[in-house]
């Protein structure tokens, strides 16, 4: 097995008219740089950012805190968390009838998380207060139908007589 590891064959493709010693030297140096870069990134564990699993969040060796969210509209929270650059994990708890979500985040992000959560809750309250566009449209359509009906009634009740 040791022989297999030590005797690897590497193919380098160089595009050019004439291959001189300088061109070959540059290509080999570039190859060695890329090889060292690949080894450096392979030795370091991948750091996850933003939304991730609880397992990845725990593996970052940071204290974990959580907040319970009962709203089903998690996508808007996702946008807010991205805006503030928070590393977090969502866990859906289906044990209760309306499913609730638990948001896990790093303990050092507590202040940022509270600010992001305030903004998220303000957005949801504002959205609930403001009627939806579909509701407004249906009301306007209903008003238009009523006005049309009134015009028809006026025409039908109008007395028509001969004028001189």
C-alpha atoms as a PDB file:
ATOM      1  CA  UNK A   1       0.000   0.000   0.000  1.00  0.00           C
ATOM      2  CA  UNK A   2       2.871   2.353   0.776  1.00  0.00           C
ATOM      3  CA  UNK A   3       4.174   1.906  -2.781  1.00  0.00           C
ATOM      4  CA  UNK A   4       0.772   2.826  -4.222  1.00  0.00           C
ATOM      5  CA  UNK A   5       0.710   6.075  -2.263  1.00  0.00           C
ATOM      6  CA  UNK A   6       4.280   7.063  -3.102  1.00  0.00           C
ATOM      7  CA  UNK A   7       4.063   6.295  -6.827  1.00  0.00           C
ATOM      8  CA  UNK A   8       1.287   8.540  -8.036  1.00  0.00           C
ATOM      9  CA  UNK A   9       1.259   9.728 -11.598  1.00  0.00           C
ATOM     10  CA  UNK A  10       0.319  13.312 -12.301  1.00  0.00           C
ATOM     11  CA  UNK A  11      -0.673  14.631 -15.699  1.00  0.00           C
ATOM     12  CA  UNK A  12      -0.080  18.307 -16.407  1.00  0.00           C
ATOM     13  CA  UNK A  13      -1.500  19.841 -19.568  1.00  0.00           C
ATOM     14  CA  UNK A  14       0.302  22.908 -20.887  1.00  0.00           C
ATOM     15  CA  UNK A  15      -1.022  24.860 -23.830  1.00  0.00           C
ATOM     16  CA  UNK A  16       1.625  26.619 -25.861  1.00  0.00           C
ATOM     17  CA  UNK A  17       3.675  26.671 -29.038  1.00  0.00           C
ATOM     18  CA  UNK A  18       7.026  25.542 -27.711  1.00  0.00           C
ATOM     19  CA  UNK A  19       7.636  24.105 -24.285  1.00  0.00           C
ATOM     20  CA  UNK A  20      10.863  25.401 -22.841  1.00  0.00           C
ATOM     21  CA  UNK A  21      12.448  24.734 -19.490  1.00  0.00           C
ATOM     22  CA  UNK A  22      11.005  28.000 -18.131  1.00  0.00           C
ATOM     23  CA  UNK A  23       7.437  27.112 -19.121  1.00  0.00           C
ATOM     24  CA  UNK A  24       7.794  23.652 -17.599  1.00  0.00           C
ATOM     25  CA  UNK A  25       9.277  25.167 -14.422  1.00  0.00           C
ATOM     26  CA  UNK A  26       6.364  27.652 -14.105  1.00  0.00           C
ATOM     27  CA  UNK A  27       3.816  24.878 -14.636  1.00  0.00           C
ATOM     28  CA  UNK A  28       5.386  22.681 -11.970  1.00  0.00           C
ATOM     29  CA  UNK A  29       5.550  25.590  -9.482  1.00  0.00           C
ATOM     30  CA  UNK A  30       1.891  26.351 -10.121  1.00  0.00           C
ATOM     31  CA  UNK A  31       1.036  22.686  -9.594  1.00  0.00           C
ATOM     32  CA  UNK A  32       2.914  22.604  -6.282  1.00  0.00           C
ATOM     33  CA  UNK A  33       1.106  25.779  -5.127  1.00  0.00           C
ATOM     34  CA  UNK A  34      -2.296  24.270  -5.942  1.00  0.00           C
ATOM     35  CA  UNK A  35      -1.332  21.032  -4.203  1.00  0.00           C
ATOM     36  CA  UNK A  36      -0.276  22.873  -1.023  1.00  0.00           C
ATOM     37  CA  UNK A  37      -3.453  24.966  -1.133  1.00  0.00           C
ATOM     38  CA  UNK A  38      -5.592  21.815  -1.422  1.00  0.00           C
ATOM     39  CA  UNK A  39      -3.794  20.180   1.502  1.00  0.00           C
ATOM     40  CA  UNK A  40      -4.229  23.292   3.664  1.00  0.00           C
ATOM     41  CA  UNK A  41      -7.991  23.461   3.036  1.00  0.00           C
ATOM     42  CA  UNK A  42      -8.376  19.698   3.543  1.00  0.00           C
ATOM     43  CA  UNK A  43      -6.724  19.848   6.959  1.00  0.00           C
ATOM     44  CA  UNK A  44      -9.053  22.598   8.213  1.00  0.00           C
ATOM     45  CA  UNK A  45     -12.651  21.589   8.939  1.00  0.00           C
ATOM     46  CA  UNK A  46     -15.268  23.370   6.876  1.00  0.00           C
ATOM     47  CA  UNK A  47     -16.895  26.243   8.711  1.00  0.00           C
ATOM     48  CA  UNK A  48     -20.567  26.634   7.985  1.00  0.00           C
ATOM     49  CA  UNK A  49     -22.241  30.038   7.872  1.00  0.00           C
ATOM     50  CA  UNK A  50     -25.883  31.036   8.135  1.00  0.00           C
ATOM     51  CA  UNK A  51     -28.520  28.304   8.286  1.00  0.00           C
ATOM     52  CA  UNK A  52     -27.066  24.914   9.183  1.00  0.00           C
ATOM     53  CA  UNK A  53     -27.821  21.741  11.055  1.00  0.00           C
ATOM     54  CA  UNK A  54     -27.667  21.521  14.829  1.00  0.00           C
ATOM     55  CA  UNK A  55     -24.794  19.051  14.508  1.00  0.00           C
ATOM     56  CA  UNK A  56     -22.670  21.530  12.551  1.00  0.00           C
ATOM     57  CA  UNK A  57     -23.528  24.315  14.984  1.00  0.00           C
ATOM     58  CA  UNK A  58     -22.489  22.237  17.991  1.00  0.00           C
ATOM     59  CA  UNK A  59     -19.259  21.148  16.270  1.00  0.00           C
ATOM     60  CA  UNK A  60     -18.071  24.780  16.174  1.00  0.00           C
ATOM     61  CA  UNK A  61     -17.326  24.596  19.936  1.00  0.00           C
ATOM     62  CA  UNK A  62     -19.469  27.532  20.977  1.00  0.00           C
ATOM     63  CA  UNK A  63     -22.148  27.806  23.648  1.00  0.00           C
ATOM     64  CA  UNK A  64     -25.591  27.224  22.158  1.00  0.00           C
ATOM     65  CA  UNK A  65     -28.718  29.225  23.041  1.00  0.00           C
ATOM     66  CA  UNK A  66     -32.226  28.893  21.662  1.00  0.00           C
ATOM     67  CA  UNK A  67     -35.455  30.799  21.051  1.00  0.00           C
ATOM     68  CA  UNK A  68     -38.850  29.239  20.436  1.00  0.00           C
ATOM     69  CA  UNK A  69     -40.772  30.439  17.387  1.00  0.00           C
ATOM     70  CA  UNK A  70     -44.402  29.445  16.877  1.00  0.00           C
ATOM     71  CA  UNK A  71     -44.897  31.235  13.569  1.00  0.00           C
ATOM     72  CA  UNK A  72     -44.817  29.051  10.471  1.00  0.00           C
ATOM     73  CA  UNK A  73     -43.294  31.789   8.333  1.00  0.00           C
ATOM     74  CA  UNK A  74     -39.646  30.931   8.890  1.00  0.00           C
ATOM     75  CA  UNK A  75     -38.501  32.199   5.482  1.00  0.00           C
ATOM     76  CA  UNK A  76     -38.812  35.829   6.558  1.00  0.00           C
ATOM     77  CA  UNK A  77     -36.753  35.034   9.670  1.00  0.00           C
ATOM     78  CA  UNK A  78     -34.172  33.445   7.389  1.00  0.00           C
ATOM     79  CA  UNK A  79     -33.821  36.713   5.461  1.00  0.00           C
ATOM     80  CA  UNK A  80     -33.407  38.712   8.673  1.00  0.00           C
ATOM     81  CA  UNK A  81     -30.804  36.291  10.030  1.00  0.00           C
ATOM     82  CA  UNK A  82     -28.823  36.483   6.796  1.00  0.00           C
ATOM     83  CA  UNK A  83     -28.914  40.261   7.027  1.00  0.00           C
ATOM     84  CA  UNK A  84     -27.338  40.158  10.494  1.00  0.00           C
ATOM     85  CA  UNK A  85     -24.925  37.315   9.628  1.00  0.00           C
ATOM     86  CA  UNK A  86     -26.124  34.910  12.316  1.00  0.00           C
ATOM     87  CA  UNK A  87     -25.132  31.251  12.372  1.00  0.00           C
ATOM     88  CA  UNK A  88     -28.255  29.358  13.403  1.00  0.00           C
ATOM     89  CA  UNK A  89     -30.044  26.033  13.152  1.00  0.00           C
ATOM     90  CA  UNK A  90     -33.789  25.398  12.961  1.00  0.00           C
ATOM     91  CA  UNK A  91     -35.459  22.420  14.552  1.00  0.00           C
ATOM     92  CA  UNK A  92     -39.155  21.684  13.988  1.00  0.00           C
ATOM     93  CA  UNK A  93     -41.003  20.317  17.013  1.00  0.00           C
ATOM     94  CA  UNK A  94     -44.047  18.410  15.781  1.00  0.00           C
ATOM     95  CA  UNK A  95     -45.092  17.086  19.190  1.00  0.00           C
ATOM     96  CA  UNK A  96     -47.654  19.888  19.520  1.00  0.00           C
ATOM     97  CA  UNK A  97     -50.569  20.453  17.171  1.00  0.00           C
ATOM     98  CA  UNK A  98     -49.446  23.755  15.736  1.00  0.00           C
ATOM     99  CA  UNK A  99     -45.802  22.856  15.085  1.00  0.00           C
ATOM    100  CA  UNK A 100     -43.319  25.143  16.755  1.00  0.00           C
ATOM    101  CA  UNK A 101     -39.811  25.923  15.650  1.00  0.00           C
ATOM    102  CA  UNK A 102     -36.781  26.166  17.886  1.00  0.00           C
ATOM    103  CA  UNK A 103     -33.971  28.401  16.661  1.00  0.00           C
ATOM    104  CA  UNK A 104     -30.541  27.425  17.985  1.00  0.00           C
ATOM    105  CA  UNK A 105     -27.711  29.939  17.729  1.00  0.00           C
ATOM    106  CA  UNK A 106     -24.288  30.597  19.179  1.00  0.00           C
ATOM    107  CA  UNK A 107     -24.179  32.085  22.654  1.00  0.00           C
ATOM    108  CA  UNK A 108     -21.906  34.929  21.613  1.00  0.00           C
ATOM    109  CA  UNK A 109     -24.529  36.046  19.066  1.00  0.00           C
ATOM    110  CA  UNK A 110     -27.164  36.734  21.756  1.00  0.00           C
ATOM    111  CA  UNK A 111     -27.225  40.515  21.295  1.00  0.00           C
ATOM    112  CA  UNK A 112     -27.296  40.272  17.513  1.00  0.00           C
ATOM    113  CA  UNK A 113     -29.950  37.552  17.705  1.00  0.00           C
ATOM    114  CA  UNK A 114     -32.239  39.626  19.930  1.00  0.00           C
ATOM    115  CA  UNK A 115     -31.956  42.554  17.511  1.00  0.00           C
ATOM    116  CA  UNK A 116     -32.691  40.312  14.527  1.00  0.00           C
ATOM    117  CA  UNK A 117     -35.610  38.716  16.363  1.00  0.00           C
ATOM    118  CA  UNK A 118     -37.053  42.159  17.214  1.00  0.00           C
ATOM    119  CA  UNK A 119     -36.880  43.137  13.555  1.00  0.00           C
ATOM    120  CA  UNK A 120     -38.446  39.838  12.505  1.00  0.00           C
ATOM    121  CA  UNK A 121     -41.320  40.189  14.980  1.00  0.00           C
ATOM    122  CA  UNK A 122     -41.886  43.828  13.957  1.00  0.00           C
ATOM    123  CA  UNK A 123     -42.159  42.731  10.323  1.00  0.00           C
ATOM    124  CA  UNK A 124     -44.671  40.002  11.141  1.00  0.00           C
ATOM    125  CA  UNK A 125     -46.814  42.367  13.250  1.00  0.00           C
ATOM    126  CA  UNK A 126     -46.748  44.974  10.494  1.00  0.00           C
ATOM    127  CA  UNK A 127     -47.732  42.347   7.937  1.00  0.00           C
ATOM    128  CA  UNK A 128     -50.663  41.192  10.081  1.00  0.00           C
ATOM    129  CA  UNK A 129     -51.944  44.745  10.562  1.00  0.00           C
ATOM    130  CA  UNK A 130     -51.802  45.566   6.887  1.00  0.00           C
ATOM    131  CA  UNK A 131     -54.549  43.848   4.851  1.00  0.00           C
ATOM    132  CA  UNK A 132     -53.331  41.654   2.048  1.00  0.00           C
ATOM    133  CA  UNK A 133     -53.470  42.762  -1.551  1.00  0.00           C
ATOM    134  CA  UNK A 134     -55.865  39.955  -2.428  1.00  0.00           C
ATOM    135  CA  UNK A 135     -58.321  41.078   0.253  1.00  0.00           C
ATOM    136  CA  UNK A 136     -58.181  44.660  -1.012  1.00  0.00           C
ATOM    137  CA  UNK A 137     -58.695  43.475  -4.578  1.00  0.00           C
ATOM    138  CA  UNK A 138     -61.694  41.315  -3.660  1.00  0.00           C
ATOM    139  CA  UNK A 139     -63.268  44.264  -1.792  1.00  0.00           C
ATOM    140  CA  UNK A 140     -62.808  46.544  -4.811  1.00  0.00           C
ATOM    141  CA  UNK A 141     -64.306  43.930  -7.134  1.00  0.00           C
ATOM    142  CA  UNK A 142     -67.306  43.576  -4.811  1.00  0.00           C
ATOM    143  CA  UNK A 143     -67.791  47.368  -4.724  1.00  0.00           C
ATOM    144  CA  UNK A 144     -67.617  47.523  -8.515  1.00  0.00           C
ATOM    145  CA  UNK A 145     -70.289  44.811  -8.808  1.00  0.00           C
ATOM    146  CA  UNK A 146     -72.554  46.703  -6.358  1.00  0.00           C
ATOM    147  CA  UNK A 147     -72.154  49.965  -8.290  1.00  0.00           C
ATOM    148  CA  UNK A 148     -72.957  48.212 -11.549  1.00  0.00           C
ATOM    149  CA  UNK A 149     -76.055  46.680  -9.961  1.00  0.00           C
ATOM    150  CA  UNK A 150     -77.215  50.122  -8.729  1.00  0.00           C
ATOM    151  CA  UNK A 151     -76.842  51.636 -12.196  1.00  0.00           C
ATOM    152  CA  UNK A 152     -78.981  48.890 -13.673  1.00  0.00           C
ATOM    153  CA  UNK A 153     -81.658  49.468 -11.041  1.00  0.00           C
ATOM    154  CA  UNK A 154     -81.739  53.178 -11.818  1.00  0.00           C
ATOM    155  CA  UNK A 155     -82.208  52.512 -15.494  1.00  0.00           C
ATOM    156  CA  UNK A 156     -84.999  50.025 -14.845  1.00  0.00           C
ATOM    157  CA  UNK A 157     -86.942  52.342 -12.488  1.00  0.00           C
ATOM    158  CA  UNK A 158     -86.658  55.387 -14.727  1.00  0.00           C
ATOM    159  CA  UNK A 159     -90.001  56.480 -16.151  1.00  0.00           C
ATOM    160  CA  UNK A 160     -90.043  57.022 -19.794  1.00  0.00           C
ATOM    161  CA  UNK A 161     -92.516  59.346 -21.251  1.00  0.00           C
ATOM    162  CA  UNK A 162     -93.073  61.249 -24.435  1.00  0.00           C
ATOM    163  CA  UNK A 163     -91.632  64.711 -24.343  1.00  0.00           C
ATOM    164  CA  UNK A 164     -92.613  67.508 -26.636  1.00  0.00           C
END
